[in-house]
Amino acid sequence: MRPAHLLAGLRVALEGRGHASDYARLLLASLGAELAPQRDDDGDGDGDGDANEHPALGWRRSGLMALTGRAARAPQMCPLPLTSCADGALAALAALGPGLHVEAGSGAALLGVRARIAGLTRQGAVSPGGTCHLLACRDGHIAVNLARPDDWTMVPAWLEADCNGDWDAIAPWVSTMPAAQLIERARLLGLAVALSAPSTPAPWLEVAVPCTPASPRKAVGTASGPLVIDLSSLWAGPLCGQLLRQLGAAVIKIESQARPDGARNGPAAFFDLLNAGKASVQLDLASPAGRAQLARLMDQADIVIEASRPRALRQMGIDAEAWLTARAGRSWVSITGHGRAEPQAGWIGFGDDAGVGAGLSELMYRVTGEQLICGDAIGDPLTGLHAALAAWASWRSGGGHLLALSLASVLRHCASFAQPASDDLLRDRHARWTRVAKSRRALAPARLPFAPVGAARPLGADTAAVFSAWLRRAA
């Protein structure tokens, strides 16, 4: 099924002029919505909406400019309207349901929020979080993201060398090897490695399995919204769940006793932002009893969000296609690093290395002469915004869809939007946008699309209450 069928027959009014509004219309049109003509009350022929914020100001206001470039040098402009893509995705989502705060820069603010909370800074060819490094290899540059403690144990097997868990030891070995060999071996070992190469366009969404829909639904308030089971962790999936909660969904966050959400170990304010307002359920997913409990909860859900490699859930006895066909009107949101199809389904990807793989660092090299990491794990919030739009569009249309998004495809879609056709035009835009960004002495941070609502629930605090309340419905 084509994504264009999700909102077929729905007429959407969306005002505004500029990159963000253009991107919002592009997304809605790709979902099949009919876009109402813009009002033109003043007769100037370009609609009645306000002009969108300039992408250069959005890059600076969001904090991404301060996160891009060498630490001891001036911050760098990315000459792509990535912040406009974030604002546009948020505007498209808000057009389908109430509950989100939308102003200039609200979507873009999500791209820099973790760094602002954690106090991260730019480090050139190293991600602000420090886990992803751009390294020179024999025939180019690759991004190596050792985001999990266990990743370091795989490095000696990856390079067939004793590297002693040190980046300075890794770099010389990488420099002697070709990129293709490094990437192939990394993927076999479950490491996140990506080639810095020019971007190619990609669809942002694939509707992998069409199932029986229910009747189309209208925008609703909390009392009659969908029940969402959020199996995801870290950033993209939890952001998707929080955005759906703001639109009226009830969200239950499921975490494993053996491996809770790793974001709990980071800044509490960031975890709270993404997860406050969700019920917290902790299950022993390594045991048959815990998996049976999960299946019982999932049976009541309207939407499932997961961000695992497909085989990981299948090994637990969870099959997205079977769950969708068991009841009409459900939606399954699958967020992966590189996609659900083989062999990409087995590849690991995180926000920073996905940005490099989508061509952002190669593009920065073309305009600055340096390989640089753009922003902070930029693939995660961009994918979370797009995933929420896909999920809400599916639910509004009656459900019955497996919605497949990957960090790589969303970033490639955004990177190809309004990209200049030549290096000369890229360099010219980089210079012009840098001047625009510097033209304002002060830019206050934009408000987020939703306000923090306090602390997230402690791990497992609602397990008993959720089973008591929700499973009573199945009795």
Protein backbone atom coordinates (compact mmCIF):
# COMPACT_ATOMS: atom_id res chain seq x y z
CA MET A 1 0.00 0.00 0.00
CA ARG A 2 1.27 3.45 -0.85
CA PRO A 3 1.53 6.05 1.95
CA ALA A 4 -0.58 8.29 -0.29
CA HIS A 5 -3.67 6.28 0.69
CA LEU A 6 -3.48 7.03 4.41
CA LEU A 7 -5.23 10.41 4.26
CA ALA A 8 -7.05 9.95 0.95
CA GLY A 9 -10.17 12.10 0.88
CA LEU A 10 -9.11 14.29 3.82
CA ARG A 11 -8.99 18.01 3.09
CA VAL A 12 -6.39 19.89 5.12
CA ALA A 13 -5.93 23.64 5.44
CA LEU A 14 -2.35 24.73 6.04
CA GLU A 15 -1.27 28.35 5.98
CA GLY A 16 2.22 29.80 5.82
CA ARG A 17 4.93 30.54 3.24
CA GLY A 18 8.46 29.25 3.09
CA HIS A 19 10.49 26.09 3.49
CA ALA A 20 8.66 24.80 6.60
CA SER A 21 5.21 25.20 5.07
CA ASP A 22 6.38 23.72 1.79
CA TYR A 23 7.75 20.68 3.61
CA ALA A 24 4.53 20.28 5.62
CA ARG A 25 2.52 20.29 2.41
CA LEU A 26 4.93 17.81 0.85
CA LEU A 27 4.42 15.40 3.77
CA LEU A 28 0.64 15.75 3.81
CA ALA A 29 0.44 15.31 0.04
CA SER A 30 2.59 12.18 0.30
CA LEU A 31 -0.02 10.81 2.71
CA GLY A 32 -2.81 11.54 0.25
CA ALA A 33 -4.36 14.60 1.90
CA GLU A 34 -6.06 17.18 -0.27
CA LEU A 35 -4.56 20.56 0.50
CA ALA A 36 -6.99 23.46 0.60
CA PRO A 37 -5.86 26.57 -1.32
CA GLN A 38 -4.25 29.20 0.86
CA ARG A 39 -6.23 32.32 1.55
CA ASP A 40 -5.00 35.45 -0.18
CA ASP A 41 -6.81 38.20 1.69
CA ASP A 42 -4.36 40.91 0.65
CA GLY A 43 -4.39 39.95 -3.02
CA ASP A 44 -0.62 39.67 -3.34
CA GLY A 45 -0.83 36.18 -4.81
CA ASP A 46 1.29 34.40 -2.19
CA GLY A 47 -1.28 33.39 0.40
CA ASP A 48 -2.32 34.87 3.71
CA GLY A 49 0.01 32.98 6.00
CA ASP A 50 3.03 34.50 7.64
CA ALA A 51 6.44 33.83 6.17
CA ASN A 52 8.26 30.96 7.88
CA GLU A 53 11.40 31.59 9.88
CA HIS A 54 14.50 31.64 7.71
CA PRO A 55 16.28 28.25 7.91
CA ALA A 56 19.53 29.97 8.91
CA LEU A 57 17.85 31.62 11.89
CA GLY A 58 16.23 28.30 12.74
CA TRP A 59 19.63 26.57 12.69
CA ARG A 60 21.00 29.13 15.11
CA ARG A 61 17.91 29.46 17.33
CA SER A 62 17.63 25.68 17.78
CA GLY A 63 21.19 25.48 19.04
CA LEU A 64 22.37 23.34 16.14
CA MET A 65 24.78 25.98 14.86
CA ALA A 66 26.52 26.05 18.22
CA LEU A 67 26.80 22.25 18.02
CA THR A 68 28.39 22.15 14.54
CA GLY A 69 32.03 22.92 13.86
CA ARG A 70 35.41 22.72 15.55
CA ALA A 71 35.46 23.60 19.24
CA ALA A 72 38.09 26.33 18.88
CA ARG A 73 36.62 27.81 15.71
CA ALA A 74 33.45 29.58 14.66
CA PRO A 75 30.21 27.57 14.68
CA GLN A 76 29.12 26.35 11.27
CA MET A 77 25.98 26.69 9.17
CA CYS A 78 24.49 23.64 7.47
CA PRO A 79 23.16 24.88 4.10
CA LEU A 80 20.13 22.57 4.19
CA PRO A 81 16.76 23.56 5.69
CA LEU A 82 16.78 20.74 8.25
CA THR A 83 15.17 22.87 10.94
CA SER A 84 12.45 23.76 8.43
CA CYS A 85 11.83 20.04 7.95
CA ALA A 86 11.32 19.69 11.70
CA ASP A 87 8.98 22.69 11.79
CA GLY A 88 7.14 21.38 8.73
CA ALA A 89 6.66 17.89 10.17
CA LEU A 90 5.27 19.45 13.34
CA ALA A 91 2.94 21.72 11.36
CA ALA A 92 1.67 18.74 9.34
CA LEU A 93 1.00 16.80 12.55
CA ALA A 94 -0.76 19.75 14.18
CA ALA A 95 -2.98 20.08 11.10
CA LEU A 96 -4.40 16.61 11.86
CA GLY A 97 -5.25 17.13 15.50
CA PRO A 98 -5.23 19.67 18.35
CA GLY A 99 -2.96 19.60 21.35
CA LEU A 100 0.41 20.77 20.05
CA HIS A 101 1.93 24.21 20.41
CA VAL A 102 3.17 25.42 17.04
CA GLU A 103 5.15 28.60 16.48
CA ALA A 104 8.25 29.48 14.51
CA GLY A 105 10.98 27.12 15.61
CA SER A 106 8.90 24.83 17.85
CA GLY A 107 9.73 21.71 15.84
CA ALA A 108 13.33 22.77 15.37
CA ALA A 109 13.70 23.28 19.12
CA LEU A 110 13.37 19.53 19.55
CA LEU A 111 16.53 19.01 17.50
CA GLY A 112 18.71 20.80 20.01
CA VAL A 113 16.88 20.14 23.26
CA ARG A 114 19.02 17.25 24.53
CA ALA A 115 22.26 19.15 24.02
CA ARG A 116 20.82 22.19 25.78
CA ILE A 117 19.72 20.12 28.78
CA ALA A 118 22.98 18.16 28.95
CA GLY A 119 25.25 21.12 28.25
CA LEU A 120 26.83 19.52 25.18
CA THR A 121 29.09 21.48 22.84
CA ARG A 122 30.51 21.09 19.35
CA GLN A 123 33.51 18.83 18.85
CA GLY A 124 34.11 18.94 15.10
CA ALA A 125 34.44 15.39 13.79
CA VAL A 126 33.20 13.98 17.11
CA SER A 127 29.54 14.05 18.05
CA PRO A 128 28.56 16.37 20.93
CA GLY A 129 27.69 13.29 22.96
CA GLY A 130 31.17 11.88 22.31
CA THR A 131 30.23 8.37 21.14
CA CYS A 132 30.40 8.93 17.36
CA HIS A 133 33.72 9.73 15.63
CA LEU A 134 34.39 10.52 11.99
CA LEU A 135 37.54 8.62 11.08
CA ALA A 136 39.66 8.63 7.94
CA CYS A 137 39.96 5.24 6.25
CA ARG A 138 41.96 4.22 3.20
CA ASP A 139 39.43 5.57 0.68
CA GLY A 140 37.29 8.09 2.52
CA HIS A 141 35.71 8.74 5.91
CA ILE A 142 33.40 6.65 8.05
CA ALA A 143 31.36 7.40 11.16
CA VAL A 144 31.92 4.92 13.99
CA ASN A 145 29.34 5.14 16.79
CA LEU A 146 30.21 3.11 19.88
CA ALA A 147 27.14 4.20 21.82
CA ARG A 148 26.76 1.12 24.04
CA PRO A 149 29.36 -0.15 26.55
CA ASP A 150 29.26 -3.59 24.92
CA ASP A 151 30.27 -2.07 21.57
CA TRP A 152 33.86 -1.66 22.76
CA THR A 153 34.18 -5.40 23.33
CA MET A 154 33.52 -5.91 19.60
CA VAL A 155 36.23 -3.53 18.39
CA PRO A 156 39.14 -6.02 18.48
CA ALA A 157 37.12 -8.49 16.38
CA TRP A 158 36.06 -5.71 14.02
CA LEU A 159 39.61 -4.52 13.32
CA GLU A 160 41.33 -7.84 14.09
CA ALA A 161 43.60 -5.88 16.41
CA ASP A 162 43.99 -5.16 20.11
CA CYS A 163 42.85 -1.55 20.39
CA ASN A 164 42.58 -1.35 24.19
CA GLY A 165 39.28 0.54 24.13
CA ASP A 166 40.84 3.80 23.00
CA TRP A 167 39.86 6.06 20.08
CA ASP A 168 43.47 7.04 19.51
CA ALA A 169 44.31 3.37 19.09
CA ILE A 170 41.40 2.74 16.71
CA ALA A 171 42.16 5.57 14.25
CA PRO A 172 45.49 4.23 12.89
CA TRP A 173 44.01 0.81 12.21
CA VAL A 174 40.97 2.30 10.46
CA SER A 175 43.18 4.49 8.27
CA THR A 176 44.76 1.41 6.66
CA MET A 177 41.52 -0.33 5.70
CA PRO A 178 38.97 0.30 2.92
CA ALA A 179 35.53 1.62 3.87
CA ALA A 180 33.62 -1.30 2.34
CA GLN A 181 35.50 -3.85 4.43
CA LEU A 182 35.10 -1.81 7.62
CA ILE A 183 31.38 -1.37 7.11
CA GLU A 184 30.72 -4.99 6.16
CA ARG A 185 32.54 -6.36 9.20
CA ALA A 186 30.91 -3.80 11.52
CA ARG A 187 27.43 -4.79 10.38
CA LEU A 188 28.16 -8.46 10.93
CA LEU A 189 29.22 -7.66 14.50
CA GLY A 190 26.31 -5.30 15.24
CA LEU A 191 28.29 -2.06 15.28
CA ALA A 192 26.95 1.26 13.99
CA VAL A 193 29.25 2.37 11.17
CA ALA A 194 28.33 4.55 8.18
CA LEU A 195 30.10 5.90 5.12
CA SER A 196 30.37 9.66 4.68
CA ALA A 197 29.09 9.98 1.12
CA PRO A 198 26.73 12.15 -0.95
CA SER A 199 23.07 11.84 -0.07
CA THR A 200 20.52 10.15 -2.31
CA PRO A 201 16.78 10.85 -2.00
CA ALA A 202 14.61 8.31 -0.20
CA PRO A 203 10.94 7.99 0.80
CA TRP A 204 10.41 8.93 4.43
CA LEU A 205 7.76 6.26 5.04
CA GLU A 206 6.89 2.79 3.81
CA VAL A 207 3.51 1.24 4.56
CA ALA A 208 4.72 -2.32 4.59
CA VAL A 209 1.55 -4.29 5.39
CA PRO A 210 -1.96 -3.02 4.68
CA CYS A 211 -4.55 -4.61 6.97
CA THR A 212 -8.26 -4.18 7.47
CA PRO A 213 -8.99 -0.61 8.53
CA ALA A 214 -11.77 0.52 10.80
CA SER A 215 -13.90 3.55 9.98
CA PRO A 216 -11.95 6.81 9.65
CA ARG A 217 -11.69 8.74 12.91
CA LYS A 218 -11.82 12.43 13.63
CA ALA A 219 -9.47 14.38 15.87
CA VAL A 220 -10.31 13.60 19.48
CA GLY A 221 -9.57 14.59 23.02
CA THR A 222 -7.87 12.44 25.64
CA ALA A 223 -11.02 10.65 26.75
CA SER A 224 -11.53 8.90 23.43
CA GLY A 225 -8.00 8.80 22.05
CA PRO A 226 -6.07 5.67 21.12
CA LEU A 227 -4.21 3.43 23.55
CA VAL A 228 -0.51 3.39 22.64
CA ILE A 229 1.97 0.76 23.78
CA ASP A 230 5.46 2.29 23.61
CA LEU A 231 8.14 -0.41 23.46
CA SER A 232 10.84 2.01 22.31
CA SER A 233 13.72 3.64 24.13
CA LEU A 234 16.19 6.53 23.90
CA TRP A 235 14.85 9.37 21.68
CA ALA A 236 12.97 8.82 18.41
CA GLY A 237 10.32 6.37 19.62
CA PRO A 238 9.68 8.02 23.00
CA LEU A 239 9.33 11.41 21.24
CA CYS A 240 6.78 9.85 18.89
CA GLY A 241 4.85 8.53 21.90
CA GLN A 242 4.95 11.89 23.69
CA LEU A 243 3.65 13.71 20.62
CA LEU A 244 0.79 11.21 20.34
CA ARG A 245 0.03 11.72 24.03
CA GLN A 246 -0.22 15.46 23.43
CA LEU A 247 -2.77 14.74 20.68
CA GLY A 248 -4.98 12.73 23.03
CA ALA A 249 -3.54 9.23 23.24
CA ALA A 250 -3.07 7.28 26.45
CA VAL A 251 0.50 5.94 26.40
CA ILE A 252 1.91 2.99 28.33
CA LYS A 253 5.70 2.78 28.35
CA ILE A 254 6.92 -0.83 28.57
CA GLU A 255 10.46 -1.53 29.78
CA SER A 256 12.34 -4.75 30.33
CA GLN A 257 13.60 -5.64 33.79
CA ALA A 258 16.90 -6.72 32.27
CA ARG A 259 17.37 -3.68 30.03
CA PRO A 260 15.33 -0.56 30.90
CA ASP A 261 15.40 2.48 28.67
CA GLY A 262 19.03 3.64 28.58
CA ALA A 263 17.88 7.27 28.57
CA ARG A 264 17.08 6.83 32.27
CA ASN A 265 20.84 6.97 32.83
CA GLY A 266 21.13 10.37 31.12
CA PRO A 267 19.87 13.80 32.15
CA ALA A 268 16.65 13.38 34.11
CA ALA A 269 15.11 16.50 32.55
CA PHE A 270 15.50 15.04 29.07
CA PHE A 271 13.99 11.68 30.04
CA ASP A 272 11.13 13.49 31.76
CA LEU A 273 10.45 15.63 28.71
CA LEU A 274 9.97 12.57 26.51
CA ASN A 275 8.21 10.30 29.00
CA ALA A 276 6.29 12.32 31.58
CA GLY A 277 2.57 11.57 31.44
CA LYS A 278 3.08 7.98 30.28
CA ALA A 279 2.25 5.06 32.53
CA SER A 280 5.35 2.99 33.36
CA VAL A 281 5.19 -0.80 33.21
CA GLN A 282 8.18 -3.07 33.85
CA LEU A 283 8.10 -6.71 32.73
CA ASP A 284 10.47 -9.65 32.80
CA LEU A 285 10.59 -10.06 29.04
CA ALA A 286 13.15 -12.84 29.32
CA SER A 287 10.52 -15.11 30.88
CA PRO A 288 7.49 -16.76 29.25
CA ALA A 289 5.27 -15.20 31.93
CA GLY A 290 6.53 -11.69 31.20
CA ARG A 291 6.06 -12.14 27.47
CA ALA A 292 2.53 -13.41 28.07
CA GLN A 293 1.81 -10.28 30.11
CA LEU A 294 3.12 -8.13 27.28
CA ALA A 295 0.94 -9.95 24.77
CA ARG A 296 -2.13 -9.37 26.95
CA LEU A 297 -1.38 -5.66 27.14
CA MET A 298 -0.69 -5.39 23.44
CA ASP A 299 -4.00 -7.06 22.69
CA GLN A 300 -5.75 -3.97 24.06
CA ALA A 301 -3.64 -1.44 22.14
CA ASP A 302 -4.58 0.65 19.12
CA ILE A 303 -0.99 1.68 18.27
CA VAL A 304 2.34 0.00 19.02
CA ILE A 305 5.63 1.92 18.78
CA GLU A 306 8.83 -0.11 18.64
CA ALA A 307 12.40 0.67 17.69
CA SER A 308 14.04 -2.73 17.53
CA ARG A 309 15.48 -4.84 14.79
CA PRO A 310 12.54 -6.99 13.56
CA ARG A 311 14.23 -10.28 14.46
CA ALA A 312 14.61 -9.20 18.10
CA LEU A 313 10.84 -9.01 18.57
CA ARG A 314 10.21 -12.17 16.57
CA GLN A 315 12.57 -14.02 18.89
CA MET A 316 10.24 -12.95 21.71
CA GLY A 317 7.22 -14.29 19.86
CA ILE A 318 6.00 -10.85 18.78
CA ASP A 319 5.07 -10.56 15.13
CA ALA A 320 3.90 -7.20 13.81
CA GLU A 321 1.98 -8.63 10.86
CA ALA A 322 0.13 -11.18 13.00
CA TRP A 323 -0.75 -8.53 15.59
CA LEU A 324 -2.17 -6.25 12.91
CA THR A 325 -4.33 -8.92 11.33
CA ALA A 326 -5.75 -10.07 14.67
CA ARG A 327 -8.00 -7.00 14.96
CA ALA A 328 -9.08 -4.32 12.53
CA GLY A 329 -8.02 -0.74 13.00
CA ARG A 330 -4.60 -1.16 14.60
CA SER A 331 -1.37 0.62 13.65
CA TRP A 332 2.22 -0.54 14.15
CA VAL A 333 5.07 1.97 14.06
CA SER A 334 8.45 0.41 13.32
CA ILE A 335 11.52 2.63 13.75
CA THR A 336 14.83 1.14 12.65
CA GLY A 337 18.30 2.39 11.83
CA HIS A 338 18.22 1.42 8.17
CA GLY A 339 14.90 -0.30 7.36
CA ARG A 340 12.91 -3.52 7.87
CA ALA A 341 13.92 -5.25 4.63
CA GLU A 342 16.93 -7.55 4.57
CA PRO A 343 19.82 -7.05 4.81
CA GLN A 344 19.21 -3.55 6.23
CA ALA A 345 16.96 -4.97 8.97
CA GLY A 346 20.04 -6.36 10.72
CA TRP A 347 22.09 -3.16 10.59
CA ILE A 348 22.53 -1.01 13.70
CA GLY A 349 22.10 2.75 13.41
CA PHE A 350 21.91 5.73 15.76
CA GLY A 351 21.16 9.39 15.18
CA ASP A 352 24.70 10.68 14.62
CA ASP A 353 25.99 7.96 12.31
CA ALA A 354 22.70 8.04 10.39
CA GLY A 355 23.30 11.74 9.75
CA VAL A 356 26.74 10.98 8.36
CA GLY A 357 25.33 8.17 6.21
CA ALA A 358 22.68 10.54 4.87
CA GLY A 359 25.38 12.80 3.49
CA LEU A 360 25.44 15.64 6.05
CA SER A 361 29.14 15.41 6.87
CA GLU A 362 30.12 15.00 3.22
CA LEU A 363 28.06 18.09 2.41
CA MET A 364 29.79 20.04 5.17
CA TYR A 365 33.13 18.97 3.69
CA ARG A 366 32.05 20.35 0.31
CA VAL A 367 31.33 23.80 1.78
CA THR A 368 33.93 24.05 4.57
CA GLY A 369 36.70 21.63 3.61
CA GLU A 370 36.20 19.73 6.88
CA GLN A 371 34.33 16.55 7.79
CA LEU A 372 31.99 17.66 10.61
CA ILE A 373 29.17 16.12 12.64
CA CYS A 374 25.95 18.10 12.22
CA GLY A 375 24.07 18.75 15.45
CA ASP A 376 23.36 16.18 18.14
CA ALA A 377 21.97 12.78 17.02
CA ILE A 378 19.87 14.75 14.57
CA GLY A 379 18.28 11.65 13.06
CA ASP A 380 16.42 10.82 16.27
CA PRO A 381 14.17 13.87 16.75
CA LEU A 382 13.55 14.22 13.02
CA THR A 383 12.44 10.58 12.85
CA GLY A 384 10.33 10.91 16.00
CA LEU A 385 8.43 13.82 14.45
CA HIS A 386 7.84 11.94 11.20
CA ALA A 387 6.83 8.77 13.05
CA ALA A 388 4.19 10.62 15.04
CA LEU A 389 2.76 12.07 11.83
CA ALA A 390 2.59 8.61 10.24
CA ALA A 391 1.03 7.05 13.35
CA TRP A 392 -1.64 9.72 13.76
CA ALA A 393 -2.45 9.70 10.05
CA SER A 394 -2.87 5.93 10.15
CA TRP A 395 -5.06 6.04 13.25
CA ARG A 396 -7.16 8.88 11.81
CA SER A 397 -7.71 6.86 8.63
CA GLY A 398 -8.90 3.77 10.50
CA GLY A 399 -5.60 1.98 11.13
CA GLY A 400 -4.58 -1.36 9.69
CA HIS A 401 -1.06 -0.33 8.71
CA LEU A 402 2.52 -1.32 9.44
CA LEU A 403 4.39 1.98 9.25
CA ALA A 404 8.10 1.54 8.61
CA LEU A 405 10.47 4.45 9.15
CA SER A 406 14.24 4.44 9.49
CA LEU A 407 16.66 7.08 10.70
CA ALA A 408 18.54 6.71 7.43
CA SER A 409 15.53 7.18 5.14
CA VAL A 410 14.04 10.11 7.06
CA LEU A 411 17.37 11.91 7.04
CA ARG A 412 17.94 11.25 3.35
CA HIS A 413 14.44 12.57 2.63
CA CYS A 414 15.12 15.73 4.64
CA ALA A 415 18.61 16.19 3.15
CA SER A 416 17.22 16.06 -0.38
CA PHE A 417 14.54 18.68 0.33
CA ALA A 418 15.41 22.02 -1.32
CA GLN A 419 19.05 21.03 -1.75
CA PRO A 420 20.95 23.21 -4.24
CA ALA A 421 21.88 21.48 -7.48
CA SER A 422 25.62 22.23 -7.49
CA ASP A 423 28.55 22.75 -5.15
CA ASP A 424 28.80 26.39 -6.22
CA LEU A 425 25.20 26.98 -5.20
CA LEU A 426 25.78 25.12 -1.93
CA ARG A 427 28.79 27.28 -1.08
CA ASP A 428 26.89 30.43 -2.01
CA ARG A 429 23.99 29.42 0.21
CA HIS A 430 26.37 28.55 3.05
CA ALA A 431 27.88 32.04 2.88
CA ARG A 432 24.50 33.80 2.61
CA TRP A 433 22.88 31.79 5.38
CA THR A 434 25.86 32.34 7.65
CA ARG A 435 25.42 36.09 7.21
CA VAL A 436 21.69 35.78 7.95
CA ALA A 437 22.38 33.77 11.11
CA LYS A 438 24.83 36.42 12.32
CA SER A 439 22.48 39.29 11.48
CA ARG A 440 20.65 38.96 14.82
CA ARG A 441 22.52 39.74 18.00
CA ALA A 442 20.23 37.64 20.15
CA LEU A 443 17.72 34.92 19.36
CA ALA A 444 15.61 33.60 22.22
CA PRO A 445 15.07 29.82 22.15
CA ALA A 446 11.73 28.84 20.64
CA ARG A 447 9.14 27.18 22.81
CA LEU A 448 8.84 23.41 22.49
CA PRO A 449 5.66 21.99 20.94
CA PHE A 450 4.63 20.70 24.36
CA ALA A 451 5.41 21.88 27.85
CA PRO A 452 7.18 19.60 30.36
CA VAL A 453 4.57 18.18 32.73
CA GLY A 454 6.80 17.11 35.60
CA ALA A 455 8.77 13.96 36.24
CA ALA A 456 8.35 10.71 34.37
CA ARG A 457 6.96 7.86 36.41
CA PRO A 458 9.50 5.72 38.27
CA LEU A 459 10.40 2.48 36.53
CA GLY A 460 7.49 0.04 36.86
CA ALA A 461 5.44 2.34 39.09
CA ASP A 462 2.20 1.62 37.23
CA THR A 463 2.58 -2.08 36.45
CA ALA A 464 -0.07 -3.29 38.87
CA ALA A 465 -2.48 -0.45 38.16
CA VAL A 466 -2.23 -0.87 34.39
CA PHE A 467 -2.97 -4.58 34.54
CA SER A 468 -5.85 -3.98 36.90
CA ALA A 469 -7.40 -1.20 34.82
CA TRP A 470 -6.71 -2.17 31.24
CA LEU A 471 -6.97 -5.95 31.42
CA ARG A 472 -10.35 -5.66 33.08
CA ARG A 473 -11.57 -4.53 29.67
CA ALA A 474 -10.60 -7.89 28.20
CA ALA A 475 -12.44 -9.94 30.83
